[in-house]
Amino acid sequence: MRAPPFPPAQMPDDLRTLNDEMAGYISEHLKGFVSKREDGALVGPFAPMLRFPAFGRAAWTYTKALIDNSKLPKPAHEVAILVTGAAFNSRYELYAHERVGEAAGLSAEKVAAIAAGQRPADLSEEEAAAYDVAAVLAGRRQLPASTYDRAVRAFGEEQTAELIYLVGGYCLVSLLLNAYDMSVPGREEGLPDDPEEETAGGRP
């Protein structure tokens, strides 16, 4: 890892304020995967955000806005994130959202296929619209009118905008994870790969 998780006890006061805000919000809104070590250090994309707060504060604000304003159906939301993570081959992103995707109602087969970069044949109309928008944008291509129009029919203009910003946000998250070679819990640093184990280890 190039941006090791930052224990709160080692932070200056102004950064500790940001860390505490992030930790509380993550604990409330981002569940189902390990996001913190026993010493309180946030892992995944949150570590480089805290290591480089001149840019990380803005990245966190963007991430928080995506959560606060989320109205997309949960399965479609998770399809878009998985497609983006697969396009970047971002290991922590896939680790986290394989779990969240199943909790949101996606079958294990759909999750596995999308994480492997494949388009499942049995996507719902909303899932298919989200998949196609994410696949085009995360693949660094111009969004065709037909693909955009399909998303608008499925979600309306406001939620299509949410979908586009969601893909953009998770492109940034995936890029951070890849650039800083962030670890997957349970495989490095002695972190558990099961959130239940994390809870037993003292997560609030």
C-alpha atoms as a PDB file:
ATOM      1  CA  MET A   1       0.000   0.000   0.000  1.00  0.00           C
ATOM      2  CA  ARG A   2       1.180   3.484  -0.826  1.00  0.00           C
ATOM      3  CA  ALA A   3      -1.199   5.314   1.532  1.00  0.00           C
ATOM      4  CA  PRO A   4      -1.340   3.248   4.737  1.00  0.00           C
ATOM      5  CA  PRO A   5      -4.433   3.596   6.925  1.00  0.00           C
ATOM      6  CA  PHE A   6      -4.030   6.537   9.303  1.00  0.00           C
ATOM      7  CA  PRO A   7      -4.684   5.761  13.004  1.00  0.00           C
ATOM      8  CA  PRO A   8      -6.732   8.603  14.555  1.00  0.00           C
ATOM      9  CA  ALA A   9      -4.379   8.791  17.548  1.00  0.00           C
ATOM     10  CA  GLN A  10      -1.609   9.966  15.210  1.00  0.00           C
ATOM     11  CA  MET A  11      -3.638  12.682  13.470  1.00  0.00           C
ATOM     12  CA  PRO A  12      -3.496  16.441  13.998  1.00  0.00           C
ATOM     13  CA  ASP A  13      -6.690  17.892  15.466  1.00  0.00           C
ATOM     14  CA  ASP A  14      -8.075  19.330  12.214  1.00  0.00           C
ATOM     15  CA  LEU A  15      -7.686  16.004  10.425  1.00  0.00           C
ATOM     16  CA  ARG A  16      -9.115  14.121  13.393  1.00  0.00           C
ATOM     17  CA  THR A  17     -12.301  16.167  12.967  1.00  0.00           C
ATOM     18  CA  LEU A  18     -12.619  15.011   9.362  1.00  0.00           C
ATOM     19  CA  ASN A  19     -11.804  11.427  10.332  1.00  0.00           C
ATOM     20  CA  ASP A  20     -14.466  11.399  13.056  1.00  0.00           C
ATOM     21  CA  GLU A  21     -17.066  12.753  10.640  1.00  0.00           C
ATOM     22  CA  MET A  22     -16.153  10.127   8.059  1.00  0.00           C
ATOM     23  CA  ALA A  23     -16.046   7.268  10.572  1.00  0.00           C
ATOM     24  CA  GLY A  24     -19.455   8.098  12.026  1.00  0.00           C
ATOM     25  CA  TYR A  25     -21.064   8.484   8.625  1.00  0.00           C
ATOM     26  CA  ILE A  26     -19.480   5.312   7.252  1.00  0.00           C
ATOM     27  CA  SER A  27     -20.612   3.336  10.281  1.00  0.00           C
ATOM     28  CA  GLU A  28     -24.196   4.525   9.759  1.00  0.00           C
ATOM     29  CA  HIS A  29     -24.510   4.380   5.978  1.00  0.00           C
ATOM     30  CA  LEU A  30     -21.889   1.993   4.549  1.00  0.00           C
ATOM     31  CA  LYS A  31     -22.538  -1.422   6.035  1.00  0.00           C
ATOM     32  CA  GLY A  32     -21.753  -4.995   5.101  1.00  0.00           C
ATOM     33  CA  PHE A  33     -18.005  -4.753   4.600  1.00  0.00           C
ATOM     34  CA  VAL A  34     -14.934  -3.973   6.665  1.00  0.00           C
ATOM     35  CA  SER A  35     -14.014  -0.282   6.600  1.00  0.00           C
ATOM     36  CA  LYS A  36     -11.960   0.147   9.791  1.00  0.00           C
ATOM     37  CA  ARG A  37      -9.092  -1.496  11.681  1.00  0.00           C
ATOM     38  CA  GLU A  38      -9.168  -2.148  15.418  1.00  0.00           C
ATOM     39  CA  ASP A  39      -7.031   0.955  15.987  1.00  0.00           C
ATOM     40  CA  GLY A  40      -9.748   3.058  14.315  1.00  0.00           C
ATOM     41  CA  ALA A  41      -7.850   3.638  11.065  1.00  0.00           C
ATOM     42  CA  LEU A  42     -10.189   3.743   8.068  1.00  0.00           C
ATOM     43  CA  VAL A  43      -9.251   1.444   5.191  1.00  0.00           C
ATOM     44  CA  GLY A  44     -10.164   1.288   1.511  1.00  0.00           C
ATOM     45  CA  PRO A  45     -10.508   4.620  -0.346  1.00  0.00           C
ATOM     46  CA  PHE A  46     -10.852   6.518   2.921  1.00  0.00           C
ATOM     47  CA  ALA A  47      -7.169   6.046   3.781  1.00  0.00           C
ATOM     48  CA  PRO A  48      -5.792   8.097   0.851  1.00  0.00           C
ATOM     49  CA  MET A  49      -8.528  10.688   1.385  1.00  0.00           C
ATOM     50  CA  LEU A  50      -7.185  11.230   4.907  1.00  0.00           C
ATOM     51  CA  ARG A  51      -3.527  11.030   3.909  1.00  0.00           C
ATOM     52  CA  PHE A  52      -4.005  13.811   1.347  1.00  0.00           C
ATOM     53  CA  PRO A  53      -6.828  15.956   2.764  1.00  0.00           C
ATOM     54  CA  ALA A  54      -6.306  18.896   0.372  1.00  0.00           C
ATOM     55  CA  PHE A  55      -7.968  16.653  -2.210  1.00  0.00           C
ATOM     56  CA  GLY A  56      -9.505  14.033   0.061  1.00  0.00           C
ATOM     57  CA  ARG A  57     -11.959  16.441   1.699  1.00  0.00           C
ATOM     58  CA  ALA A  58     -13.489  17.233  -1.677  1.00  0.00           C
ATOM     59  CA  ALA A  59     -13.567  13.553  -2.638  1.00  0.00           C
ATOM     60  CA  TRP A  60     -15.338  12.756   0.635  1.00  0.00           C
ATOM     61  CA  THR A  61     -17.863  15.568   0.082  1.00  0.00           C
ATOM     62  CA  TYR A  62     -18.642  14.113  -3.359  1.00  0.00           C
ATOM     63  CA  THR A  63     -18.982  10.598  -1.946  1.00  0.00           C
ATOM     64  CA  LYS A  64     -21.247  11.818   0.836  1.00  0.00           C
ATOM     65  CA  ALA A  65     -23.434  13.736  -1.654  1.00  0.00           C
ATOM     66  CA  LEU A  66     -23.933  10.534  -3.659  1.00  0.00           C
ATOM     67  CA  ILE A  67     -25.171   8.778  -0.520  1.00  0.00           C
ATOM     68  CA  ASP A  68     -27.297  11.641   0.797  1.00  0.00           C
ATOM     69  CA  ASN A  69     -29.100  12.136  -2.527  1.00  0.00           C
ATOM     70  CA  SER A  70     -29.444   8.525  -3.601  1.00  0.00           C
ATOM     71  CA  LYS A  71     -32.838   7.670  -5.097  1.00  0.00           C
ATOM     72  CA  LEU A  72     -31.886   5.039  -7.636  1.00  0.00           C
ATOM     73  CA  PRO A  73     -33.314   1.569  -6.980  1.00  0.00           C
ATOM     74  CA  LYS A  74     -30.774  -0.281  -4.855  1.00  0.00           C
ATOM     75  CA  PRO A  75     -30.124  -3.165  -7.276  1.00  0.00           C
ATOM     76  CA  ALA A  76     -29.497  -0.770 -10.188  1.00  0.00           C
ATOM     77  CA  HIS A  77     -27.298   1.381  -7.951  1.00  0.00           C
ATOM     78  CA  GLU A  78     -25.138  -1.614  -7.061  1.00  0.00           C
ATOM     79  CA  VAL A  79     -25.002  -2.858 -10.646  1.00  0.00           C
ATOM     80  CA  ALA A  80     -23.493   0.484 -11.693  1.00  0.00           C
ATOM     81  CA  ILE A  81     -20.873   0.342  -8.936  1.00  0.00           C
ATOM     82  CA  LEU A  82     -19.930  -3.268  -9.692  1.00  0.00           C
ATOM     83  CA  VAL A  83     -19.601  -2.520 -13.409  1.00  0.00           C
ATOM     84  CA  THR A  84     -17.321   0.403 -12.595  1.00  0.00           C
ATOM     85  CA  GLY A  85     -15.224  -1.606 -10.153  1.00  0.00           C
ATOM     86  CA  ALA A  86     -14.884  -4.394 -12.715  1.00  0.00           C
ATOM     87  CA  ALA A  87     -13.836  -1.941 -15.443  1.00  0.00           C
ATOM     88  CA  PHE A  88     -11.000  -0.725 -13.194  1.00  0.00           C
ATOM     89  CA  ASN A  89     -10.314  -4.183 -11.728  1.00  0.00           C
ATOM     90  CA  SER A  90     -10.430  -2.438  -8.357  1.00  0.00           C
ATOM     91  CA  ARG A  91     -10.101  -5.159  -5.757  1.00  0.00           C
ATOM     92  CA  TYR A  92     -11.396  -3.376  -2.642  1.00  0.00           C
ATOM     93  CA  GLU A  93     -14.308  -1.913  -4.601  1.00  0.00           C
ATOM     94  CA  LEU A  94     -15.324  -5.346  -5.806  1.00  0.00           C
ATOM     95  CA  TYR A  95     -14.781  -6.888  -2.363  1.00  0.00           C
ATOM     96  CA  ALA A  96     -17.112  -4.343  -0.754  1.00  0.00           C
ATOM     97  CA  HIS A  97     -19.842  -4.193  -3.365  1.00  0.00           C
ATOM     98  CA  GLU A  98     -20.052  -7.901  -4.061  1.00  0.00           C
ATOM     99  CA  ARG A  99     -21.371  -8.033  -0.493  1.00  0.00           C
ATOM    100  CA  VAL A 100     -23.507  -4.909  -0.714  1.00  0.00           C
ATOM    101  CA  GLY A 101     -24.925  -5.994  -4.085  1.00  0.00           C
ATOM    102  CA  GLU A 102     -26.242  -9.252  -2.672  1.00  0.00           C
ATOM    103  CA  ALA A 103     -27.695  -7.398   0.316  1.00  0.00           C
ATOM    104  CA  ALA A 104     -29.451  -5.061  -2.152  1.00  0.00           C
ATOM    105  CA  GLY A 105     -31.209  -7.996  -3.806  1.00  0.00           C
ATOM    106  CA  LEU A 106     -28.875  -9.011  -6.643  1.00  0.00           C
ATOM    107  CA  SER A 107     -28.417 -12.746  -6.974  1.00  0.00           C
ATOM    108  CA  ALA A 108     -25.006 -14.223  -6.263  1.00  0.00           C
ATOM    109  CA  GLU A 109     -24.858 -15.263  -9.924  1.00  0.00           C
ATOM    110  CA  LYS A 110     -25.463 -11.710 -11.151  1.00  0.00           C
ATOM    111  CA  VAL A 111     -22.906 -10.288  -8.756  1.00  0.00           C
ATOM    112  CA  ALA A 112     -20.278 -12.833  -9.798  1.00  0.00           C
ATOM    113  CA  ALA A 113     -20.871 -12.255 -13.502  1.00  0.00           C
ATOM    114  CA  ILE A 114     -20.712  -8.462 -13.250  1.00  0.00           C
ATOM    115  CA  ALA A 115     -17.603  -8.565 -11.059  1.00  0.00           C
ATOM    116  CA  ALA A 116     -15.992 -10.759 -13.735  1.00  0.00           C
ATOM    117  CA  GLY A 117     -16.776  -8.153 -16.394  1.00  0.00           C
ATOM    118  CA  GLN A 118     -19.715 -10.016 -17.933  1.00  0.00           C
ATOM    119  CA  ARG A 119     -23.271  -8.822 -18.633  1.00  0.00           C
ATOM    120  CA  PRO A 120     -25.848 -11.201 -17.075  1.00  0.00           C
ATOM    121  CA  ALA A 121     -28.656 -12.227 -19.408  1.00  0.00           C
ATOM    122  CA  ASP A 122     -31.353 -11.910 -16.743  1.00  0.00           C
ATOM    123  CA  LEU A 123     -31.003  -8.258 -15.732  1.00  0.00           C
ATOM    124  CA  SER A 124     -34.203  -6.349 -15.056  1.00  0.00           C
ATOM    125  CA  GLU A 125     -34.890  -3.298 -17.233  1.00  0.00           C
ATOM    126  CA  GLU A 126     -33.571  -0.960 -14.530  1.00  0.00           C
ATOM    127  CA  GLU A 127     -30.498  -3.116 -13.926  1.00  0.00           C
ATOM    128  CA  ALA A 128     -29.824  -3.328 -17.666  1.00  0.00           C
ATOM    129  CA  ALA A 129     -30.097   0.439 -18.091  1.00  0.00           C
ATOM    130  CA  ALA A 130     -27.690   0.998 -15.198  1.00  0.00           C
ATOM    131  CA  TYR A 131     -25.299  -1.653 -16.509  1.00  0.00           C
ATOM    132  CA  ASP A 132     -25.127  -0.164 -20.001  1.00  0.00           C
ATOM    133  CA  VAL A 133     -24.599   3.424 -18.839  1.00  0.00           C
ATOM    134  CA  ALA A 134     -21.873   2.347 -16.406  1.00  0.00           C
ATOM    135  CA  ALA A 135     -20.166   0.061 -18.930  1.00  0.00           C
ATOM    136  CA  VAL A 136     -19.958   2.831 -21.531  1.00  0.00           C
ATOM    137  CA  LEU A 137     -18.795   5.575 -19.170  1.00  0.00           C
ATOM    138  CA  ALA A 138     -16.365   3.474 -17.111  1.00  0.00           C
ATOM    139  CA  GLY A 139     -15.062   2.172 -20.437  1.00  0.00           C
ATOM    140  CA  ARG A 140     -14.132   5.778 -21.318  1.00  0.00           C
ATOM    141  CA  ARG A 141     -16.540   6.095 -24.250  1.00  0.00           C
ATOM    142  CA  GLN A 142     -19.134   8.654 -25.325  1.00  0.00           C
ATOM    143  CA  LEU A 143     -22.612   7.766 -24.020  1.00  0.00           C
ATOM    144  CA  PRO A 144     -24.849   7.004 -27.019  1.00  0.00           C
ATOM    145  CA  ALA A 145     -28.226   8.748 -27.271  1.00  0.00           C
ATOM    146  CA  SER A 146     -30.032   5.398 -27.276  1.00  0.00           C
ATOM    147  CA  THR A 147     -28.329   4.320 -24.043  1.00  0.00           C
ATOM    148  CA  TYR A 148     -29.025   7.649 -22.357  1.00  0.00           C
ATOM    149  CA  ASP A 149     -32.655   7.597 -23.512  1.00  0.00           C
ATOM    150  CA  ARG A 150     -33.113   4.069 -22.171  1.00  0.00           C
ATOM    151  CA  ALA A 151     -31.876   5.231 -18.773  1.00  0.00           C
ATOM    152  CA  VAL A 152     -34.250   8.213 -18.825  1.00  0.00           C
ATOM    153  CA  ARG A 153     -37.155   5.898 -19.606  1.00  0.00           C
ATOM    154  CA  ALA A 154     -36.147   3.650 -16.722  1.00  0.00           C
ATOM    155  CA  PHE A 155     -35.299   6.297 -14.129  1.00  0.00           C
ATOM    156  CA  GLY A 156     -36.263   9.789 -15.314  1.00  0.00           C
ATOM    157  CA  GLU A 157     -33.793  12.616 -15.884  1.00  0.00           C
ATOM    158  CA  GLU A 158     -32.935  13.282 -12.228  1.00  0.00           C
ATOM    159  CA  GLN A 159     -32.099   9.691 -11.391  1.00  0.00           C
ATOM    160  CA  THR A 160     -30.221   9.309 -14.680  1.00  0.00           C
ATOM    161  CA  ALA A 161     -28.103  12.266 -13.588  1.00  0.00           C
ATOM    162  CA  GLU A 162     -27.572  10.486 -10.269  1.00  0.00           C
ATOM    163  CA  LEU A 163     -26.474   7.379 -12.180  1.00  0.00           C
ATOM    164  CA  ILE A 164     -23.952   9.360 -14.232  1.00  0.00           C
ATOM    165  CA  TYR A 165     -22.514  11.102 -11.163  1.00  0.00           C
ATOM    166  CA  LEU A 166     -22.452   7.747  -9.353  1.00  0.00           C
ATOM    167  CA  VAL A 167     -20.333   6.186 -12.081  1.00  0.00           C
ATOM    168  CA  GLY A 168     -18.053   9.228 -12.065  1.00  0.00           C
ATOM    169  CA  GLY A 169     -17.705   9.066  -8.294  1.00  0.00           C
ATOM    170  CA  TYR A 170     -16.836   5.388  -8.295  1.00  0.00           C
ATOM    171  CA  CYS A 171     -14.377   5.894 -11.134  1.00  0.00           C
ATOM    172  CA  LEU A 172     -12.583   8.239  -8.722  1.00  0.00           C
ATOM    173  CA  VAL A 173     -12.888   5.779  -5.837  1.00  0.00           C
ATOM    174  CA  SER A 174     -11.611   2.913  -8.003  1.00  0.00           C
ATOM    175  CA  LEU A 175      -8.748   5.048  -9.268  1.00  0.00           C
ATOM    176  CA  LEU A 176      -7.719   5.933  -5.704  1.00  0.00           C
ATOM    177  CA  LEU A 177      -7.834   2.301  -4.657  1.00  0.00           C
ATOM    178  CA  ASN A 178      -5.725   1.238  -7.623  1.00  0.00           C
ATOM    179  CA  ALA A 179      -3.249   4.116  -7.441  1.00  0.00           C
ATOM    180  CA  TYR A 180      -2.568   3.526  -3.751  1.00  0.00           C
ATOM    181  CA  ASP A 181      -2.730  -0.288  -3.984  1.00  0.00           C
ATOM    182  CA  MET A 182      -5.232  -0.522  -1.142  1.00  0.00           C
ATOM    183  CA  SER A 183      -5.594  -3.886   0.547  1.00  0.00           C
ATOM    184  CA  VAL A 184      -8.581  -6.193   0.767  1.00  0.00           C
ATOM    185  CA  PRO A 185      -9.561  -6.977   4.383  1.00  0.00           C
ATOM    186  CA  GLY A 186      -8.625 -10.455   5.514  1.00  0.00           C
ATOM    187  CA  ARG A 187      -5.801 -10.747   3.011  1.00  0.00           C
ATOM    188  CA  GLU A 188      -3.428  -8.099   4.301  1.00  0.00           C
ATOM    189  CA  GLU A 189      -2.830  -6.347   7.630  1.00  0.00           C
ATOM    190  CA  GLY A 190      -4.659  -9.054   9.586  1.00  0.00           C
ATOM    191  CA  LEU A 191      -8.063  -7.492   8.968  1.00  0.00           C
ATOM    192  CA  PRO A 192     -11.127  -9.770   9.027  1.00  0.00           C
ATOM    193  CA  ASP A 193     -12.925 -10.360   5.734  1.00  0.00           C
ATOM    194  CA  ASP A 194     -16.235 -10.716   7.565  1.00  0.00           C
ATOM    195  CA  PRO A 195     -17.997  -7.631   8.994  1.00  0.00           C
ATOM    196  CA  GLU A 196     -19.330  -9.781  11.835  1.00  0.00           C
ATOM    197  CA  GLU A 197     -15.768 -10.480  12.897  1.00  0.00           C
ATOM    198  CA  GLU A 198     -15.098  -6.748  12.723  1.00  0.00           C
ATOM    199  CA  THR A 199     -18.001  -6.091  15.068  1.00  0.00           C
ATOM    200  CA  ALA A 200     -16.638  -8.684  17.472  1.00  0.00           C
ATOM    201  CA  GLY A 201     -13.287  -6.907  17.281  1.00  0.00           C
ATOM    202  CA  GLY A 202     -14.756  -3.666  18.585  1.00  0.00           C
ATOM    203  CA  ARG A 203     -16.237  -1.736  15.682  1.00  0.00           C
ATOM    204  CA  PRO A 204     -18.875   0.716  16.951  1.00  0.00           C
END
